Protein backbone atom coordinates (compact mmCIF):
# COMPACT_ATOMS: atom_id res chain seq x y z
CA MET A 1 -170.32 -65.05 52.34
CA PRO A 2 -168.43 -63.58 48.77
CA GLN A 3 -165.85 -66.03 47.61
CA ILE A 4 -162.25 -64.34 47.07
CA LYS A 5 -159.57 -65.73 44.47
CA GLY A 6 -156.25 -66.25 45.63
CA LYS A 7 -154.56 -66.00 49.34
CA ARG A 8 -156.88 -63.69 50.84
CA VAL A 9 -159.32 -64.64 52.97
CA VAL A 10 -162.56 -63.58 54.58
CA ILE A 11 -162.30 -63.45 58.46
CA THR A 12 -164.48 -61.87 61.22
CA LEU A 13 -163.14 -59.19 64.06
CA GLU A 14 -164.85 -59.26 67.17
CA CYS A 15 -164.49 -56.80 70.57
CA THR A 16 -162.70 -58.29 73.30
CA GLU A 17 -163.77 -55.94 76.22
CA ALA A 18 -167.94 -56.72 75.49
CA ARG A 19 -167.94 -59.60 76.81
CA ALA A 20 -166.48 -58.97 79.92
CA ALA A 21 -168.94 -55.58 79.83
CA GLY A 22 -171.34 -57.64 79.81
CA MET A 23 -172.38 -56.27 76.70
CA PRO A 24 -172.61 -57.94 73.12
CA PRO A 25 -169.92 -57.84 71.07
CA SER A 26 -169.46 -55.33 68.28
CA ARG A 27 -168.44 -57.81 64.98
CA TYR A 28 -166.49 -56.15 61.38
CA MET A 29 -166.10 -58.24 58.53
CA THR A 30 -162.81 -57.83 56.87
CA THR A 31 -159.92 -59.72 54.76
CA LYS A 32 -156.44 -60.50 55.55
CA ASN A 33 -153.54 -62.61 52.91
CA LYS A 34 -152.94 -65.84 54.92
CA SER A 35 -149.72 -66.25 53.22
CA LYS A 36 -148.25 -62.58 55.07
CA GLN A 37 -150.22 -63.14 58.29
CA GLN A 38 -150.08 -66.58 59.93
CA GLY A 39 -151.12 -64.77 63.31
CA ARG A 40 -154.59 -63.96 64.83
CA LEU A 41 -155.39 -60.78 63.43
CA GLU A 42 -155.90 -57.28 65.97
CA LYS A 43 -156.62 -53.70 64.88
CA LYS A 44 -158.52 -51.58 66.73
CA LYS A 45 -162.20 -50.52 65.69
CA TYR A 46 -165.25 -48.88 67.24
CA ASN A 47 -167.61 -50.46 69.42
CA PRO A 48 -171.19 -48.56 69.20
CA PHE A 49 -172.08 -50.77 72.10
CA MET A 50 -169.50 -48.86 74.22
CA LYS A 51 -169.38 -45.52 72.33
CA LYS A 52 -164.99 -45.99 72.39
CA HIS A 53 -162.67 -47.26 70.05
CA THR A 54 -161.66 -50.89 71.26
CA LEU A 55 -159.30 -53.88 70.39
CA HIS A 56 -160.80 -56.32 67.75
CA ARG A 57 -159.44 -59.80 67.15
CA GLU A 58 -159.85 -62.90 64.61
CA VAL A 59 -162.39 -65.09 65.09
CA LYS A 60 -162.68 -68.62 63.42
């Protein structure tokens, strides 16, 4: 995993709707500034297995 200096950390976003539908979850890697965003990050990203945009939430 790449090292990033400062307050930015590498996080993984995972699809929230895929597991309920019985499909494999799509995952994206991105960074976030820990001092400005204390909670879990949520973004709408494309899930190629479901062929639509879905909500992706940060996983540990």
